[in-house]
Amino acid sequence: MEEKERIIIPDENGDEHLFEVLFTFDVEENGHSYMTVVPADQADSEDEVEVYAFRYEEEDNEERDYKLFPIESDKEWEIVEEMLNTFSEEEEEGDE
């Protein structure tokens, strides 16, 4: 089983939460990169889990840090939702 990448994301109160990266993708149209994550404690759940998406920039350092930005435009959300739907379909096909 492949090891999933995990990242820590602080919330607005500064509390750190561990997330598992579902996938990342680049959008050529706008030159941005996006990341979808789920809370690490729910990553293996069979139930529906909340998926979070961010636009990100990779920091050019040894730690592979990321700068995360909230997705604010409807157009960006449409792109992310389309990728999530594609990802979900591929996952379901892989389970069969």
N, C-alpha and C. Protein backbone atom coordinates (compact mmCIF):
# COMPACT_ATOMS: atom_id res chain seq x y z
N MET A 1 0.84 -1.19 0.00
CA MET A 1 0.00 0.00 0.00
C MET A 1 0.88 1.25 0.00
N GLU A 2 0.57 2.17 -0.87
CA GLU A 2 1.43 3.35 -0.97
C GLU A 2 1.19 4.30 0.20
N GLU A 3 2.27 4.91 0.63
CA GLU A 3 2.22 5.85 1.75
C GLU A 3 1.70 7.19 1.26
N LYS A 4 0.63 7.68 1.88
CA LYS A 4 0.06 8.96 1.51
C LYS A 4 0.84 10.09 2.18
N GLU A 5 0.94 11.20 1.47
CA GLU A 5 1.60 12.37 2.03
C GLU A 5 0.67 13.02 3.04
N ARG A 6 1.23 13.44 4.16
CA ARG A 6 0.45 14.11 5.19
C ARG A 6 1.03 15.48 5.45
N ILE A 7 0.16 16.44 5.71
CA ILE A 7 0.61 17.80 6.01
C ILE A 7 -0.15 18.31 7.23
N ILE A 8 0.45 19.26 7.90
CA ILE A 8 -0.18 19.89 9.07
C ILE A 8 -0.67 21.27 8.64
N ILE A 9 -1.94 21.54 8.92
CA ILE A 9 -2.52 22.83 8.57
C ILE A 9 -3.09 23.45 9.85
N PRO A 10 -2.60 24.64 10.22
CA PRO A 10 -3.17 25.30 11.39
C PRO A 10 -4.51 25.94 11.05
N ASP A 11 -5.43 25.94 12.02
CA ASP A 11 -6.72 26.60 11.80
C ASP A 11 -6.61 28.06 12.22
N GLU A 12 -7.75 28.76 12.18
CA GLU A 12 -7.72 30.19 12.50
C GLU A 12 -7.32 30.48 13.94
N ASN A 13 -7.40 29.45 14.82
CA ASN A 13 -7.00 29.64 16.21
C ASN A 13 -5.55 29.24 16.46
N GLY A 14 -4.87 28.78 15.39
CA GLY A 14 -3.48 28.37 15.54
C GLY A 14 -3.32 26.91 15.93
N ASP A 15 -4.45 26.19 16.11
CA ASP A 15 -4.37 24.76 16.43
C ASP A 15 -3.98 24.00 15.16
N GLU A 16 -3.05 23.06 15.31
CA GLU A 16 -2.58 22.32 14.14
C GLU A 16 -3.38 21.04 13.95
N HIS A 17 -3.71 20.76 12.69
CA HIS A 17 -4.48 19.56 12.35
C HIS A 17 -3.74 18.80 11.26
N LEU A 18 -3.74 17.47 11.38
CA LEU A 18 -3.06 16.62 10.41
C LEU A 18 -4.03 16.23 9.30
N PHE A 19 -3.61 16.43 8.07
CA PHE A 19 -4.42 16.10 6.90
C PHE A 19 -3.65 15.16 5.99
N GLU A 20 -4.40 14.33 5.29
CA GLU A 20 -3.80 13.45 4.29
C GLU A 20 -4.10 14.05 2.92
N VAL A 21 -3.08 14.14 2.08
CA VAL A 21 -3.25 14.70 0.74
C VAL A 21 -3.90 13.65 -0.16
N LEU A 22 -5.07 14.00 -0.71
CA LEU A 22 -5.72 13.10 -1.67
C LEU A 22 -4.99 13.15 -3.00
N PHE A 23 -4.90 14.35 -3.54
CA PHE A 23 -4.15 14.53 -4.78
C PHE A 23 -3.88 16.00 -5.00
N THR A 24 -2.91 16.26 -5.86
CA THR A 24 -2.60 17.63 -6.28
C THR A 24 -2.70 17.66 -7.80
N PHE A 25 -2.98 18.82 -8.33
CA PHE A 25 -3.03 18.96 -9.78
C PHE A 25 -2.75 20.41 -10.16
N ASP A 26 -2.26 20.56 -11.39
CA ASP A 26 -1.95 21.88 -11.93
C ASP A 26 -2.98 22.23 -12.99
N VAL A 27 -3.33 23.50 -13.07
CA VAL A 27 -4.27 23.98 -14.08
C VAL A 27 -3.50 24.92 -15.01
N GLU A 28 -3.35 24.48 -16.25
CA GLU A 28 -2.57 25.27 -17.20
C GLU A 28 -3.24 26.61 -17.51
N GLU A 29 -4.58 26.62 -17.53
CA GLU A 29 -5.31 27.85 -17.88
C GLU A 29 -4.92 29.04 -17.02
N ASN A 30 -4.77 28.79 -15.71
CA ASN A 30 -4.46 29.91 -14.82
C ASN A 30 -3.07 29.79 -14.19
N GLY A 31 -2.35 28.71 -14.47
CA GLY A 31 -1.00 28.55 -13.95
C GLY A 31 -0.92 28.25 -12.47
N HIS A 32 -2.04 27.86 -11.85
CA HIS A 32 -2.05 27.58 -10.42
C HIS A 32 -2.03 26.08 -10.15
N SER A 33 -1.60 25.74 -8.94
CA SER A 33 -1.61 24.36 -8.47
C SER A 33 -2.63 24.24 -7.35
N TYR A 34 -3.28 23.08 -7.28
CA TYR A 34 -4.31 22.86 -6.27
C TYR A 34 -4.05 21.56 -5.53
N MET A 35 -4.53 21.51 -4.30
CA MET A 35 -4.34 20.36 -3.43
C MET A 35 -5.67 20.06 -2.76
N THR A 36 -6.03 18.77 -2.72
CA THR A 36 -7.21 18.37 -1.96
C THR A 36 -6.75 17.49 -0.81
N VAL A 37 -7.32 17.72 0.35
CA VAL A 37 -6.92 17.00 1.56
C VAL A 37 -8.16 16.56 2.34
N VAL A 38 -7.97 15.54 3.17
CA VAL A 38 -9.00 15.10 4.11
C VAL A 38 -8.35 15.00 5.48
N PRO A 39 -9.13 15.19 6.56
CA PRO A 39 -8.55 15.02 7.90
C PRO A 39 -7.95 13.62 8.02
N ALA A 40 -6.73 13.52 8.52
CA ALA A 40 -6.02 12.24 8.58
C ALA A 40 -6.79 11.19 9.36
N ASP A 41 -7.52 11.61 10.40
CA ASP A 41 -8.25 10.62 11.21
C ASP A 41 -9.49 10.09 10.48
N GLN A 42 -9.86 10.71 9.36
CA GLN A 42 -11.00 10.23 8.58
C GLN A 42 -10.58 9.62 7.25
N ALA A 43 -9.29 9.61 6.96
CA ALA A 43 -8.79 9.24 5.63
C ALA A 43 -9.20 7.83 5.21
N ASP A 44 -9.26 6.90 6.16
CA ASP A 44 -9.59 5.52 5.81
C ASP A 44 -11.05 5.18 6.07
N SER A 45 -11.84 6.18 6.40
CA SER A 45 -13.25 5.97 6.70
C SER A 45 -14.03 5.59 5.44
N GLU A 46 -14.97 4.68 5.61
CA GLU A 46 -15.85 4.30 4.50
C GLU A 46 -16.98 5.32 4.36
N ASP A 47 -17.21 6.09 5.42
CA ASP A 47 -18.26 7.10 5.39
C ASP A 47 -17.80 8.29 4.56
N GLU A 48 -18.75 9.14 4.23
CA GLU A 48 -18.41 10.35 3.48
C GLU A 48 -17.58 11.26 4.38
N VAL A 49 -16.48 11.75 3.86
CA VAL A 49 -15.61 12.64 4.63
C VAL A 49 -15.59 14.01 3.98
N GLU A 50 -15.27 15.00 4.78
CA GLU A 50 -15.20 16.36 4.25
C GLU A 50 -13.85 16.54 3.56
N VAL A 51 -13.90 16.98 2.32
CA VAL A 51 -12.69 17.22 1.54
C VAL A 51 -12.45 18.72 1.50
N TYR A 52 -11.21 19.10 1.76
CA TYR A 52 -10.83 20.51 1.70
C TYR A 52 -9.93 20.72 0.48
N ALA A 53 -10.06 21.86 -0.14
CA ALA A 53 -9.23 22.16 -1.31
C ALA A 53 -8.58 23.52 -1.13
N PHE A 54 -7.35 23.61 -1.59
CA PHE A 54 -6.59 24.85 -1.51
C PHE A 54 -5.82 25.06 -2.80
N ARG A 55 -5.58 26.32 -3.12
CA ARG A 55 -4.58 26.63 -4.13
C ARG A 55 -3.27 26.66 -3.35
N TYR A 56 -2.21 26.15 -3.94
CA TYR A 56 -0.96 26.14 -3.19
C TYR A 56 0.23 26.53 -4.05
N GLU A 57 1.27 26.98 -3.37
CA GLU A 57 2.57 27.23 -3.98
C GLU A 57 3.57 26.47 -3.14
N GLU A 58 4.46 25.76 -3.80
CA GLU A 58 5.47 25.00 -3.08
C GLU A 58 6.64 25.92 -2.76
N GLU A 59 7.05 25.90 -1.50
CA GLU A 59 8.20 26.69 -1.08
C GLU A 59 9.46 26.02 -1.60
N ASP A 60 10.39 26.79 -2.04
CA ASP A 60 11.63 26.24 -2.59
C ASP A 60 12.64 26.03 -1.47
N ASN A 61 12.38 25.01 -0.64
CA ASN A 61 13.32 24.69 0.43
C ASN A 61 13.34 23.19 0.66
N GLU A 62 14.18 22.73 1.55
CA GLU A 62 14.36 21.28 1.75
C GLU A 62 13.16 20.61 2.42
N GLU A 63 12.37 21.36 3.17
CA GLU A 63 11.25 20.77 3.91
C GLU A 63 10.03 20.51 3.03
N ARG A 64 10.04 21.00 1.78
CA ARG A 64 8.88 20.90 0.90
C ARG A 64 7.65 21.51 1.56
N ASP A 65 7.82 22.71 2.06
CA ASP A 65 6.70 23.43 2.67
C ASP A 65 5.77 23.95 1.58
N TYR A 66 4.52 24.13 1.95
CA TYR A 66 3.54 24.66 1.03
C TYR A 66 2.95 25.94 1.60
N LYS A 67 2.65 26.88 0.72
CA LYS A 67 1.84 28.04 1.10
C LYS A 67 0.45 27.73 0.57
N LEU A 68 -0.53 27.72 1.46
CA LEU A 68 -1.90 27.40 1.06
C LEU A 68 -2.73 28.68 1.00
N PHE A 69 -3.60 28.73 -0.02
CA PHE A 69 -4.48 29.88 -0.20
C PHE A 69 -5.91 29.39 -0.35
N PRO A 70 -6.86 30.06 0.27
CA PRO A 70 -8.26 29.64 0.09
C PRO A 70 -8.69 29.86 -1.36
N ILE A 71 -9.57 29.00 -1.82
CA ILE A 71 -10.12 29.15 -3.16
C ILE A 71 -11.33 30.06 -3.05
N GLU A 72 -11.30 31.16 -3.77
CA GLU A 72 -12.34 32.16 -3.60
C GLU A 72 -13.23 32.36 -4.82
N SER A 73 -12.73 32.03 -6.01
CA SER A 73 -13.55 32.30 -7.19
C SER A 73 -14.39 31.08 -7.56
N ASP A 74 -15.57 31.35 -8.10
CA ASP A 74 -16.45 30.27 -8.54
C ASP A 74 -15.79 29.44 -9.63
N LYS A 75 -15.05 30.10 -10.50
CA LYS A 75 -14.40 29.39 -11.61
C LYS A 75 -13.40 28.37 -11.06
N GLU A 76 -12.62 28.78 -10.06
CA GLU A 76 -11.66 27.85 -9.45
C GLU A 76 -12.39 26.68 -8.79
N TRP A 77 -13.49 26.96 -8.09
CA TRP A 77 -14.25 25.89 -7.44
C TRP A 77 -14.78 24.89 -8.47
N GLU A 78 -15.23 25.40 -9.62
CA GLU A 78 -15.73 24.51 -10.67
C GLU A 78 -14.63 23.57 -11.14
N ILE A 79 -13.42 24.10 -11.31
CA ILE A 79 -12.28 23.28 -11.74
C ILE A 79 -11.99 22.21 -10.69
N VAL A 80 -11.96 22.61 -9.41
CA VAL A 80 -11.65 21.67 -8.33
C VAL A 80 -12.74 20.59 -8.24
N GLU A 81 -14.01 21.00 -8.33
CA GLU A 81 -15.10 20.02 -8.24
C GLU A 81 -15.04 19.02 -9.39
N GLU A 82 -14.70 19.51 -10.57
CA GLU A 82 -14.58 18.62 -11.72
C GLU A 82 -13.47 17.58 -11.48
N MET A 83 -12.34 18.03 -10.95
CA MET A 83 -11.23 17.11 -10.65
C MET A 83 -11.62 16.13 -9.55
N LEU A 84 -12.36 16.59 -8.53
CA LEU A 84 -12.80 15.71 -7.46
C LEU A 84 -13.74 14.63 -8.00
N ASN A 85 -14.66 15.02 -8.88
CA ASN A 85 -15.57 14.05 -9.47
C ASN A 85 -14.80 13.01 -10.28
N THR A 86 -13.83 13.45 -11.05
CA THR A 86 -13.00 12.52 -11.83
C THR A 86 -12.25 11.59 -10.90
N PHE A 87 -11.66 12.14 -9.83
CA PHE A 87 -10.91 11.35 -8.86
C PHE A 87 -11.82 10.31 -8.20
N SER A 88 -13.03 10.72 -7.81
CA SER A 88 -13.98 9.82 -7.15
C SER A 88 -14.37 8.66 -8.08
N GLU A 89 -14.61 8.97 -9.34
CA GLU A 89 -14.96 7.93 -10.30
C GLU A 89 -13.82 6.94 -10.48
N GLU A 90 -12.60 7.43 -10.54
CA GLU A 90 -11.44 6.55 -10.69
C GLU A 90 -11.26 5.67 -9.46
N GLU A 91 -11.50 6.24 -8.27
CA GLU A 91 -11.39 5.47 -7.03
C GLU A 91 -12.42 4.34 -7.00
N GLU A 92 -13.66 4.67 -7.40
CA GLU A 92 -14.71 3.66 -7.40
C GLU A 92 -14.41 2.55 -8.39
N GLU A 93 -13.90 2.90 -9.56
CA GLU A 93 -13.53 1.89 -10.55
C GLU A 93 -12.39 1.03 -10.03
N GLY A 94 -11.49 1.62 -9.29
CA GLY A 94 -10.35 0.87 -8.74
C GLY A 94 -10.78 -0.10 -7.65
N ASP A 95 -11.88 0.17 -6.98
CA ASP A 95 -12.37 -0.70 -5.90
C ASP A 95 -13.09 -1.93 -6.42
N GLU A 96 -13.53 -1.90 -7.68
CA GLU A 96 -14.32 -3.00 -8.20
C GLU A 96 -13.46 -4.19 -8.56
